[in-house]
Amino acid sequence: MTRTCRAPVMARLLVTGSGFVSLATSISLPFLAIFLRQDLSLEPAAVGLLIGSSVFFSIFGGFLAGALSDIFGRHQVLLLSMVGVVLSFISLYLSHNVVPVFASSSTMALFASAFNPVGKALLSDLLPAGERVRWFSYQYLGYNLGFAVGPVFGAALGLAGARLSFLVAAAVYTCYLIAMGCAAALSAPIGASHAKPARQRQEAPLRRIRDSVRVVATDRRLRYVLIAAILLETAYGRVSVLLAQYLVINYVAGTEILAAVLTTNAVTVVGFQLIASRAIRKRSPVSSIIVGSLLLFAGMVAFAFADTAVQFVAAMVVLTVGETFIIPAEFAIIDRIALENQRGSYFGAQSFAQLGGFLGPYLGGLLLAGFGGPTAFLGLGSLPLVSVVIYVVVGRRIPELCRPVTRATGRDPAATV
């Protein structure tokens, strides 16, 4: 069996698996705060600190997993990460005080963060350049489908905040682990060190990780792209946190409006993603992100001046459509600028964009407390405009990024910023 026959099977497994793992995660982790309050009687500040700190483990784990996949192979790192997630869920189920819960939550974030960069790198290894953004979109769609269904499914089964939800999630991950293990056994190693010269295979892994860090850290193109990605993530990554505070404080029916807005976000992502995918394939990654950024700005402006539930819902539709343009296009850009033998490291470096998920609620909270809701939305909404300027500059310096996805031929090694 040739690799061209195996590639679509593995690609479909990655896309389908993203839906199942997000389903398993969303059954349990969104209700982790309830579990911590009810079972462990933690104060709100402690709950926020414990859950919020996971972003730093995710950033570190995502980059490390990407670099390790370049050395040891994509399949190996994915399988190991799934074993780590299963054990973390079981540990959460068995934990009865804050220290083991914190340890389990941290290792969960560390191992789970491998799926995104390593999965994207594996899709890039398996698929031709012109097809990758379509599969990135499929994977993003599967991820959001799982998160749209998971909380409702978990609540319907009585698992919301229940300790048993961790075992259910572990079981789902175990099934995916078995499926991925079988597929990997029938596939040639991807991104593995054996594909490199013997001299490189004999180098110490730590030295090769250090070399990957150096290459990624000194790539000015990647640096500009990451700055723009952090700005975008700051604007929209955790906008629900700002919305929740603003609506509950200023509206009697704030909780109901928030529920409608969050449901709108999930429905819009699922309903519009395939349409956005077709549109993205006809244009360049840079132009897609510029369009998405302008829609983010428009959505945040609409939030600033919204006064009714319908207006808040309409604003979320605009913002979410912008998100569906941005996410796949960002991965397409990383795919084009990455060195072929360090593709995992480059996708792993994009994990640093999650810093925006920490900065957004913090900056939004400061603006909300000091100047009010409209200023907070307009302040965060201005960040996508800065990212537009960065991407315009990057697009001019790297012509490869301004070519339509369907005509992509690979990386332009001569392009620099």
Protein backbone atom coordinates (compact mmCIF):
# COMPACT_ATOMS: atom_id res chain seq x y z
CA MET A 1 0.00 0.00 0.00
CA THR A 2 1.46 3.36 -0.95
CA ARG A 3 1.52 6.46 1.11
CA THR A 4 -0.94 8.21 -1.23
CA CYS A 5 -3.52 5.52 -0.34
CA ARG A 6 -2.85 5.79 3.38
CA ALA A 7 -2.75 9.58 3.58
CA PRO A 8 -6.49 10.25 3.17
CA VAL A 9 -7.30 7.60 5.79
CA MET A 10 -4.99 9.16 8.36
CA ALA A 11 -6.22 12.65 7.46
CA ARG A 12 -9.82 11.58 8.00
CA LEU A 13 -8.86 9.98 11.31
CA LEU A 14 -7.22 13.21 12.46
CA VAL A 15 -10.30 15.24 11.53
CA THR A 16 -12.77 12.76 13.04
CA GLY A 17 -10.60 12.36 16.11
CA SER A 18 -10.51 16.12 16.70
CA GLY A 19 -14.29 16.00 17.01
CA PHE A 20 -14.26 13.08 19.43
CA VAL A 21 -11.50 14.46 21.66
CA SER A 22 -13.16 17.88 21.84
CA LEU A 23 -16.44 16.10 22.65
CA ALA A 24 -14.73 14.20 25.47
CA THR A 25 -13.01 17.32 26.76
CA SER A 26 -16.15 19.46 26.64
CA ILE A 27 -18.15 16.89 28.59
CA SER A 28 -15.87 17.39 31.57
CA LEU A 29 -13.50 20.36 31.56
CA PRO A 30 -16.04 23.20 31.03
CA PHE A 31 -17.62 22.02 34.28
CA LEU A 32 -14.30 21.77 36.11
CA ALA A 33 -15.06 25.00 37.98
CA ILE A 34 -18.30 23.45 39.30
CA PHE A 35 -16.41 20.34 40.36
CA LEU A 36 -13.78 22.41 42.18
CA ARG A 37 -16.42 24.44 44.00
CA GLN A 38 -18.74 21.58 44.94
CA ASP A 39 -16.33 18.71 45.59
CA LEU A 40 -13.29 20.57 46.89
CA SER A 41 -14.96 23.74 48.25
CA LEU A 42 -12.36 26.02 46.68
CA GLU A 43 -12.82 29.79 46.71
CA PRO A 44 -13.49 31.55 43.36
CA ALA A 45 -10.02 33.09 43.27
CA ALA A 46 -8.39 29.69 43.72
CA VAL A 47 -10.62 28.18 41.05
CA GLY A 48 -9.68 30.95 38.61
CA LEU A 49 -5.97 30.60 39.35
CA LEU A 50 -6.01 26.82 38.96
CA ILE A 51 -7.92 26.87 35.67
CA GLY A 52 -6.23 29.98 34.26
CA SER A 53 -2.71 28.68 34.84
CA SER A 54 -3.33 25.87 32.36
CA VAL A 55 -2.69 28.23 29.44
CA PHE A 56 1.02 28.40 30.30
CA PHE A 57 1.31 24.60 30.37
CA SER A 58 -0.49 24.49 27.01
CA ILE A 59 1.94 26.94 25.45
CA PHE A 60 4.99 25.04 26.69
CA GLY A 61 3.50 21.64 25.83
CA GLY A 62 2.45 22.70 22.34
CA PHE A 63 5.89 23.93 21.37
CA LEU A 64 7.72 21.01 23.00
CA ALA A 65 5.44 18.45 21.33
CA GLY A 66 5.94 20.07 17.94
CA ALA A 67 9.71 20.00 18.31
CA LEU A 68 9.71 16.41 19.56
CA SER A 69 7.57 15.31 16.60
CA ASP A 70 10.32 16.54 14.28
CA ILE A 71 12.77 14.29 16.12
CA PHE A 72 10.83 11.16 17.05
CA GLY A 73 7.91 11.23 14.61
CA ARG A 74 4.36 12.61 14.58
CA HIS A 75 2.64 9.31 15.38
CA GLN A 76 4.80 8.58 18.39
CA VAL A 77 4.25 12.00 19.96
CA LEU A 78 0.49 11.92 19.31
CA LEU A 79 0.14 8.46 20.87
CA LEU A 80 2.23 9.40 23.90
CA SER A 81 0.23 12.59 24.40
CA MET A 82 -3.05 10.62 24.32
CA VAL A 83 -1.73 8.22 26.95
CA GLY A 84 -0.85 11.26 29.07
CA VAL A 85 -4.36 12.72 28.67
CA VAL A 86 -6.03 9.41 29.59
CA LEU A 87 -3.90 9.11 32.73
CA SER A 88 -4.62 12.76 33.63
CA PHE A 89 -8.38 12.22 33.39
CA ILE A 90 -8.12 9.12 35.58
CA SER A 91 -6.00 11.06 38.05
CA LEU A 92 -8.65 13.81 38.19
CA TYR A 93 -11.28 11.18 38.93
CA LEU A 94 -9.18 9.85 41.82
CA SER A 95 -8.14 13.25 43.22
CA HIS A 96 -9.74 14.57 46.41
CA ASN A 97 -7.68 17.65 47.28
CA VAL A 98 -6.27 20.65 45.49
CA VAL A 99 -2.64 19.53 45.00
CA PRO A 100 -3.35 16.38 42.92
CA VAL A 101 -6.13 18.23 41.07
CA PHE A 102 -3.70 21.00 40.13
CA ALA A 103 -1.10 18.43 39.07
CA SER A 104 -3.65 16.50 37.01
CA SER A 105 -5.02 19.66 35.38
CA SER A 106 -1.51 20.83 34.53
CA THR A 107 -0.44 17.52 32.98
CA MET A 108 -3.75 17.46 31.11
CA ALA A 109 -3.00 20.85 29.53
CA LEU A 110 0.59 19.78 28.82
CA PHE A 111 -0.33 16.59 26.96
CA ALA A 112 -3.54 17.80 25.29
CA SER A 113 -1.72 20.77 23.77
CA ALA A 114 0.17 18.35 21.48
CA PHE A 115 -2.89 17.59 19.33
CA ASN A 116 -3.09 20.93 17.59
CA PRO A 117 0.51 21.51 16.40
CA VAL A 118 1.41 17.86 15.81
CA GLY A 119 -1.90 17.14 14.10
CA LYS A 120 -1.45 20.14 11.79
CA ALA A 121 2.14 19.12 11.02
CA LEU A 122 0.98 15.58 10.25
CA LEU A 123 -1.73 16.85 7.90
CA SER A 124 0.90 18.98 6.15
CA ASP A 125 3.15 15.92 5.80
CA LEU A 126 0.32 13.82 4.36
CA LEU A 127 -1.42 16.22 1.99
CA PRO A 128 -0.38 18.29 -1.04
CA ALA A 129 -0.01 22.03 -0.41
CA GLY A 130 -3.20 23.03 -2.20
CA GLU A 131 -5.33 20.67 -0.09
CA ARG A 132 -4.00 21.50 3.37
CA VAL A 133 -6.11 24.54 4.20
CA ARG A 134 -9.27 22.59 3.36
CA TRP A 135 -8.31 19.86 5.84
CA PHE A 136 -7.28 22.47 8.42
CA SER A 137 -10.83 23.82 8.07
CA TYR A 138 -12.32 20.34 8.43
CA GLN A 139 -10.31 19.73 11.58
CA TYR A 140 -11.36 23.09 13.01
CA LEU A 141 -14.99 22.25 12.17
CA GLY A 142 -14.72 18.86 13.88
CA TYR A 143 -13.20 20.48 16.95
CA ASN A 144 -16.06 22.99 17.21
CA LEU A 145 -18.72 20.37 16.56
CA GLY A 146 -17.44 18.42 19.54
CA PHE A 147 -17.48 21.47 21.76
CA ALA A 148 -20.95 22.46 20.56
CA VAL A 149 -22.42 19.04 21.39
CA GLY A 150 -20.31 18.04 24.40
CA PRO A 151 -21.64 20.35 27.15
CA VAL A 152 -25.26 19.64 26.17
CA PHE A 153 -24.54 15.91 26.00
CA GLY A 154 -22.79 15.98 29.37
CA ALA A 155 -25.59 17.94 31.03
CA ALA A 156 -28.25 15.61 29.57
CA LEU A 157 -26.45 12.59 31.04
CA GLY A 158 -26.10 14.29 34.40
CA LEU A 159 -22.32 14.59 34.08
CA ALA A 160 -22.08 18.37 34.52
CA GLY A 161 -19.60 18.85 37.35
CA ALA A 162 -19.71 15.14 38.22
CA ARG A 163 -16.55 13.17 38.96
CA LEU A 164 -17.74 10.42 36.59
CA SER A 165 -17.34 12.76 33.61
CA PHE A 166 -13.57 12.37 33.87
CA LEU A 167 -13.83 8.60 33.41
CA VAL A 168 -16.17 9.04 30.43
CA ALA A 169 -13.65 11.42 28.83
CA ALA A 170 -10.82 8.96 29.51
CA ALA A 171 -12.79 6.19 27.81
CA VAL A 172 -13.38 8.28 24.69
CA TYR A 173 -9.69 9.20 24.49
CA THR A 174 -8.77 5.54 24.93
CA CYS A 175 -10.92 4.56 21.94
CA TYR A 176 -9.26 7.22 19.81
CA LEU A 177 -5.85 6.11 21.09
CA ILE A 178 -6.53 2.56 19.92
CA ALA A 179 -7.76 3.75 16.51
CA MET A 180 -4.75 6.01 16.03
CA GLY A 181 -2.39 3.27 17.18
CA CYS A 182 -3.79 0.85 14.61
CA ALA A 183 -3.56 3.43 11.84
CA ALA A 184 -0.02 4.38 12.83
CA ALA A 185 1.04 0.71 12.79
CA LEU A 186 -0.02 0.50 9.15
CA SER A 187 1.59 3.80 8.16
CA ALA A 188 5.13 4.84 7.45
CA PRO A 189 6.60 7.04 10.21
CA ILE A 190 5.97 10.72 9.51
CA GLY A 191 8.30 13.47 10.65
CA ALA A 192 10.54 10.88 12.28
CA SER A 193 14.25 11.18 12.81
CA HIS A 194 14.95 8.07 10.73
CA ALA A 195 14.11 10.09 7.62
CA LYS A 196 17.12 12.31 8.29
CA PRO A 197 20.82 11.65 7.70
CA ALA A 198 22.51 9.22 10.09
CA ARG A 199 24.71 11.93 11.55
CA GLN A 200 21.63 13.94 12.58
CA ARG A 201 19.94 10.85 14.06
CA GLN A 202 22.90 10.36 16.39
CA GLU A 203 22.69 13.87 17.83
CA ALA A 204 21.36 14.17 21.36
CA PRO A 205 17.62 14.99 21.44
CA LEU A 206 18.20 17.90 23.81
CA ARG A 207 20.66 19.42 21.40
CA ARG A 208 18.25 19.05 18.53
CA ILE A 209 15.45 20.62 20.57
CA ARG A 210 17.80 23.49 21.33
CA ASP A 211 18.57 23.85 17.62
CA SER A 212 14.84 23.91 16.84
CA VAL A 213 14.30 26.62 19.44
CA ARG A 214 17.12 28.65 17.95
CA VAL A 215 15.81 28.37 14.39
CA VAL A 216 12.26 29.26 15.37
CA ALA A 217 13.36 32.10 17.65
CA THR A 218 15.52 33.70 14.95
CA ASP A 219 12.98 33.45 12.12
CA ARG A 220 11.78 37.04 11.74
CA ARG A 221 8.88 35.99 9.54
CA LEU A 222 7.53 33.73 12.26
CA ARG A 223 8.06 36.42 14.86
CA TYR A 224 5.86 38.92 13.00
CA VAL A 225 3.20 36.28 12.37
CA LEU A 226 3.13 35.31 16.05
CA ILE A 227 2.80 38.93 17.18
CA ALA A 228 -0.18 39.36 14.86
CA ALA A 229 -1.69 36.07 16.05
CA ILE A 230 -1.35 37.10 19.72
CA LEU A 231 -3.12 40.39 18.97
CA LEU A 232 -5.98 38.58 17.27
CA GLU A 233 -6.26 36.02 20.07
CA THR A 234 -6.29 38.86 22.62
CA ALA A 235 -9.24 40.44 20.82
CA TYR A 236 -11.49 37.43 20.37
CA GLY A 237 -10.00 34.37 22.07
CA ARG A 238 -11.78 34.86 25.42
CA VAL A 239 -14.29 37.55 24.48
CA SER A 240 -16.92 35.54 26.37
CA VAL A 241 -15.21 36.50 29.64
CA LEU A 242 -15.64 40.22 28.91
CA LEU A 243 -19.17 39.69 27.63
CA ALA A 244 -20.16 37.72 30.73
CA GLN A 245 -19.04 40.47 33.08
CA TYR A 246 -20.52 43.29 31.00
CA LEU A 247 -23.90 41.63 30.46
CA VAL A 248 -24.39 40.43 34.03
CA ILE A 249 -23.54 43.87 35.42
CA ASN A 250 -25.61 45.95 32.99
CA TYR A 251 -28.60 43.80 31.99
CA VAL A 252 -31.28 42.12 34.09
CA ALA A 253 -31.43 39.27 31.55
CA GLY A 254 -27.67 39.27 31.12
CA THR A 255 -27.27 35.53 31.71
CA GLU A 256 -29.91 34.70 29.09
CA ILE A 257 -28.33 37.05 26.57
CA LEU A 258 -24.91 35.50 27.19
CA ALA A 259 -26.30 32.00 26.65
CA ALA A 260 -27.85 33.10 23.34
CA VAL A 261 -24.61 34.75 22.24
CA LEU A 262 -22.45 31.71 23.06
CA THR A 263 -24.88 29.39 21.28
CA THR A 264 -24.74 31.71 18.28
CA ASN A 265 -20.97 31.43 18.25
CA ALA A 266 -21.07 27.63 18.15
CA VAL A 267 -23.82 27.48 15.53
CA THR A 268 -22.13 30.07 13.30
CA VAL A 269 -18.78 28.28 13.39
CA VAL A 270 -20.40 24.97 12.45
CA GLY A 271 -22.70 26.48 9.82
CA PHE A 272 -20.26 28.85 8.15
CA GLN A 273 -16.94 26.98 8.33
CA LEU A 274 -17.29 25.03 5.08
CA ILE A 275 -18.40 28.17 3.22
CA ALA A 276 -15.42 30.03 4.64
CA SER A 277 -13.14 27.16 3.66
CA ARG A 278 -14.16 27.42 0.01
CA ALA A 279 -13.68 31.19 0.09
CA ILE A 280 -10.24 30.86 1.71
CA ARG A 281 -9.06 28.41 -0.95
CA LYS A 282 -9.75 31.02 -3.65
CA ARG A 283 -7.70 33.73 -2.01
CA SER A 284 -4.33 34.06 -0.31
CA PRO A 285 -3.86 33.33 3.39
CA VAL A 286 -2.89 36.96 4.04
CA SER A 287 -5.99 38.37 2.37
CA SER A 288 -8.18 35.87 4.24
CA ILE A 289 -6.76 36.96 7.58
CA ILE A 290 -7.17 40.63 6.65
CA VAL A 291 -10.84 40.03 5.82
CA GLY A 292 -11.29 38.09 9.06
CA SER A 293 -9.54 40.80 11.10
CA LEU A 294 -11.78 43.51 9.69
CA LEU A 295 -14.82 41.42 10.56
CA LEU A 296 -13.46 40.98 14.11
CA PHE A 297 -13.13 44.74 14.39
CA ALA A 298 -16.67 45.24 13.09
CA GLY A 299 -18.01 42.65 15.54
CA MET A 300 -16.31 44.28 18.52
CA VAL A 301 -17.61 47.72 17.47
CA ALA A 302 -21.09 46.19 17.23
CA PHE A 303 -20.71 44.81 20.79
CA ALA A 304 -19.70 48.27 22.01
CA PHE A 305 -22.92 49.84 20.74
CA ALA A 306 -25.30 46.87 21.15
CA ASP A 307 -28.27 47.41 23.43
CA THR A 308 -30.61 44.47 22.83
CA ALA A 309 -30.24 40.69 22.73
CA VAL A 310 -30.73 40.69 18.95
CA GLN A 311 -27.93 43.22 18.50
CA PHE A 312 -25.54 41.22 20.68
CA VAL A 313 -26.36 38.06 18.71
CA ALA A 314 -25.80 39.87 15.40
CA ALA A 315 -22.46 41.18 16.65
CA MET A 316 -21.39 37.65 17.56
CA VAL A 317 -22.33 36.40 14.09
CA VAL A 318 -20.05 39.02 12.50
CA LEU A 319 -17.19 38.28 14.90
CA THR A 320 -17.50 34.51 14.46
CA VAL A 321 -17.50 34.73 10.66
CA GLY A 322 -14.22 36.63 10.99
CA GLU A 323 -12.88 33.85 13.21
CA THR A 324 -13.73 31.20 10.59
CA PHE A 325 -11.60 33.07 8.06
CA ILE A 326 -8.66 33.56 10.41
CA ILE A 327 -8.03 30.15 12.02
CA PRO A 328 -7.39 28.00 8.89
CA ALA A 329 -5.51 30.83 7.17
CA GLU A 330 -3.15 31.21 10.14
CA PHE A 331 -2.22 27.53 9.88
CA ALA A 332 -1.77 27.92 6.11
CA ILE A 333 0.73 30.72 6.73
CA ILE A 334 2.70 28.65 9.24
CA ASP A 335 2.68 25.77 6.76
CA ARG A 336 4.17 27.97 4.03
CA ILE A 337 6.96 29.56 6.05
CA ALA A 338 7.99 26.42 7.97
CA LEU A 339 11.18 24.58 7.17
CA GLU A 340 10.18 21.12 5.98
CA ASN A 341 12.29 19.23 8.51
CA GLN A 342 11.08 21.46 11.39
CA ARG A 343 7.43 21.76 10.52
CA GLY A 344 6.36 20.49 13.94
CA SER A 345 8.46 23.13 15.68
CA TYR A 346 6.86 25.89 13.63
CA PHE A 347 3.33 24.70 14.30
CA GLY A 348 4.30 24.27 17.95
CA ALA A 349 5.55 27.85 18.08
CA GLN A 350 2.06 29.01 17.14
CA SER A 351 1.01 27.83 20.61
CA PHE A 352 2.43 31.13 21.86
CA ALA A 353 -0.63 32.81 20.34
CA GLN A 354 -2.51 31.42 23.36
CA LEU A 355 -0.93 34.23 25.37
CA GLY A 356 -3.73 36.29 23.91
CA GLY A 357 -6.20 34.09 25.78
CA PHE A 358 -4.57 35.30 28.99
CA LEU A 359 -4.06 38.93 27.97
CA GLY A 360 -7.58 39.42 26.58
CA PRO A 361 -9.53 38.84 29.82
CA TYR A 362 -6.94 40.79 31.82
CA LEU A 363 -6.86 43.87 29.55
CA GLY A 364 -10.60 43.67 28.95
CA GLY A 365 -11.21 43.56 32.70
CA LEU A 366 -9.00 46.60 33.28
CA LEU A 367 -10.77 48.59 30.57
CA LEU A 368 -14.20 47.47 31.79
CA ALA A 369 -13.47 48.47 35.38
CA GLY A 370 -11.84 51.78 34.46
CA PHE A 371 -13.81 53.03 31.47
CA GLY A 372 -16.87 50.86 30.94
CA GLY A 373 -18.01 48.23 28.46
CA PRO A 374 -18.02 50.19 25.18
CA THR A 375 -14.42 51.34 25.73
CA ALA A 376 -13.37 47.79 26.59
CA PHE A 377 -14.86 46.40 23.39
CA LEU A 378 -13.43 49.21 21.26
CA GLY A 379 -10.03 48.90 22.93
CA LEU A 380 -9.72 45.16 22.27
CA GLY A 381 -11.40 45.61 18.89
CA SER A 382 -8.62 47.93 17.74
CA LEU A 383 -6.03 45.15 18.04
CA PRO A 384 -7.15 43.34 14.84
CA LEU A 385 -6.46 46.58 12.95
CA VAL A 386 -2.85 46.45 14.17
CA SER A 387 -2.63 42.85 13.00
CA VAL A 388 -3.92 43.94 9.56
CA VAL A 389 -0.97 46.32 9.26
CA ILE A 390 1.45 43.55 10.25
CA TYR A 391 0.00 41.11 7.71
CA VAL A 392 0.10 43.73 4.95
CA VAL A 393 3.82 44.21 5.65
CA VAL A 394 4.42 40.45 5.88
CA GLY A 395 2.51 39.86 2.65
CA ARG A 396 4.65 42.37 0.78
CA ARG A 397 7.88 40.83 2.09
CA ILE A 398 6.84 37.20 1.49
CA PRO A 399 5.19 36.91 -1.95
CA GLU A 400 4.40 33.22 -1.34
CA LEU A 401 1.84 34.21 1.28
CA CYS A 402 -0.08 36.34 -1.22
CA ARG A 403 -0.74 33.48 -3.63
CA PRO A 404 -4.14 31.77 -3.57
CA VAL A 405 -4.21 28.55 -1.57
CA THR A 406 -5.23 26.44 -4.56
CA ARG A 407 -2.12 27.57 -6.45
CA ALA A 408 0.27 27.04 -3.57
CA THR A 409 3.47 25.28 -4.53
CA GLY A 410 5.22 25.33 -1.20
CA ARG A 411 7.51 27.60 0.70
CA ASP A 412 9.49 30.38 -0.91
CA PRO A 413 12.93 29.82 0.60
CA ALA A 414 14.23 33.16 -0.58
CA ALA A 415 11.54 35.19 1.11
CA THR A 416 12.59 37.12 4.20
CA VAL A 417 11.19 39.84 6.36
